[in-house]
Amino acid sequence: MKFLAFFFVFLGSILLYCTHPNQGLMKSVLSRSYRWLGVGSLVLALLLFVLSLPKLAAVYMWLLTLLVVWSFLPFIPLMMKKYSA
């Protein structure tokens, strides 16, 4: 159940990131409906974490996973440019 929660955190954070106008992963910004899908995915992930872990550990893992994913996502386009040239 934790792996499913991690999947939903990754999916939700990527969707939220790609709906922002300043994102660099895609040429065009995703529509607003994907933002709601990302938020729903993050809420579902938090619920799955709470069901499978103690509450404090669940919130900590959820926040830490969000922090790691959102810290790494802006560097993907930079690495793609570096290795493609």
Protein backbone atom coordinates (compact mmCIF):
# COMPACT_ATOMS: atom_id res chain seq x y z
CA MET A 1 0.00 0.00 0.00
CA LYS A 2 2.95 2.32 0.62
CA PHE A 3 4.22 1.82 -2.93
CA LEU A 4 0.82 2.80 -4.27
CA ALA A 5 0.90 5.91 -2.08
CA PHE A 6 4.37 6.79 -3.40
CA PHE A 7 3.08 6.37 -6.96
CA PHE A 8 0.19 8.75 -6.29
CA VAL A 9 2.53 11.30 -4.69
CA PHE A 10 4.82 11.19 -7.73
CA LEU A 11 1.89 11.42 -10.12
CA GLY A 12 0.21 14.25 -8.23
CA SER A 13 3.35 16.31 -7.79
CA ILE A 14 4.31 15.95 -11.46
CA LEU A 15 0.81 16.94 -12.55
CA LEU A 16 0.82 19.97 -10.27
CA TYR A 17 4.25 20.99 -11.51
CA CYS A 18 3.27 20.67 -15.16
CA THR A 19 0.20 22.90 -14.70
CA HIS A 20 2.34 25.84 -13.55
CA PRO A 21 3.24 28.44 -16.22
CA ASN A 22 6.93 28.49 -15.23
CA GLN A 23 7.53 24.77 -15.64
CA GLY A 24 10.19 23.64 -18.08
CA LEU A 25 9.38 19.98 -18.68
CA MET A 26 6.84 20.49 -21.43
CA LYS A 27 6.45 23.08 -24.18
CA SER A 28 2.87 23.91 -23.21
CA VAL A 29 1.21 24.12 -19.83
CA LEU A 30 -1.34 21.47 -18.86
CA SER A 31 -4.94 22.62 -18.39
CA ARG A 32 -6.53 23.43 -15.05
CA SER A 33 -8.36 20.10 -14.88
CA TYR A 34 -5.03 18.31 -14.50
CA ARG A 35 -4.31 20.48 -11.47
CA TRP A 36 -7.40 19.09 -9.75
CA LEU A 37 -6.39 15.58 -10.74
CA GLY A 38 -2.98 16.20 -9.16
CA VAL A 39 -4.50 17.53 -5.95
CA GLY A 40 -6.82 14.54 -5.77
CA SER A 41 -3.90 12.21 -6.31
CA LEU A 42 -1.98 13.86 -3.47
CA VAL A 43 -4.95 13.62 -1.11
CA LEU A 44 -5.41 9.95 -2.01
CA ALA A 45 -1.71 9.34 -1.36
CA LEU A 46 -1.96 10.97 2.05
CA LEU A 47 -4.95 8.79 2.91
CA LEU A 48 -3.08 5.66 1.82
CA PHE A 49 -0.07 6.67 3.91
CA VAL A 50 -2.29 7.30 6.96
CA LEU A 51 -3.90 3.88 6.57
CA SER A 52 -0.58 2.05 6.32
CA LEU A 53 1.61 4.01 8.76
CA PRO A 54 1.29 5.88 12.05
CA LYS A 55 -0.21 9.32 11.43
CA LEU A 56 2.89 11.38 12.15
CA ALA A 57 5.12 9.14 10.04
CA ALA A 58 2.54 9.21 7.24
CA VAL A 59 2.45 13.00 7.10
CA TYR A 60 6.23 13.16 7.31
CA MET A 61 6.72 10.69 4.44
CA TRP A 62 4.12 12.50 2.33
CA LEU A 63 5.74 15.91 2.87
CA LEU A 64 9.26 14.57 2.40
CA THR A 65 8.33 12.86 -0.86
CA LEU A 66 6.73 16.08 -2.12
CA LEU A 67 9.85 18.01 -1.16
CA VAL A 68 12.17 15.60 -2.96
CA VAL A 69 10.09 15.42 -6.14
CA TRP A 70 9.51 19.18 -6.37
CA SER A 71 13.20 19.83 -5.71
CA PHE A 72 14.31 17.48 -8.48
CA LEU A 73 11.77 18.33 -11.21
CA PRO A 74 13.19 21.75 -12.22
CA PHE A 75 16.58 20.20 -12.96
CA ILE A 76 15.31 17.61 -15.46
CA PRO A 77 15.18 20.06 -18.41
CA LEU A 78 18.68 21.29 -17.58
CA MET A 79 20.05 17.74 -17.60
CA MET A 80 18.22 16.98 -20.84
CA LYS A 81 19.80 20.03 -22.52
CA LYS A 82 23.24 19.14 -21.20
CA TYR A 83 23.21 15.55 -22.44
CA SER A 84 21.48 16.24 -25.76
CA ALA A 85 24.11 18.71 -26.97
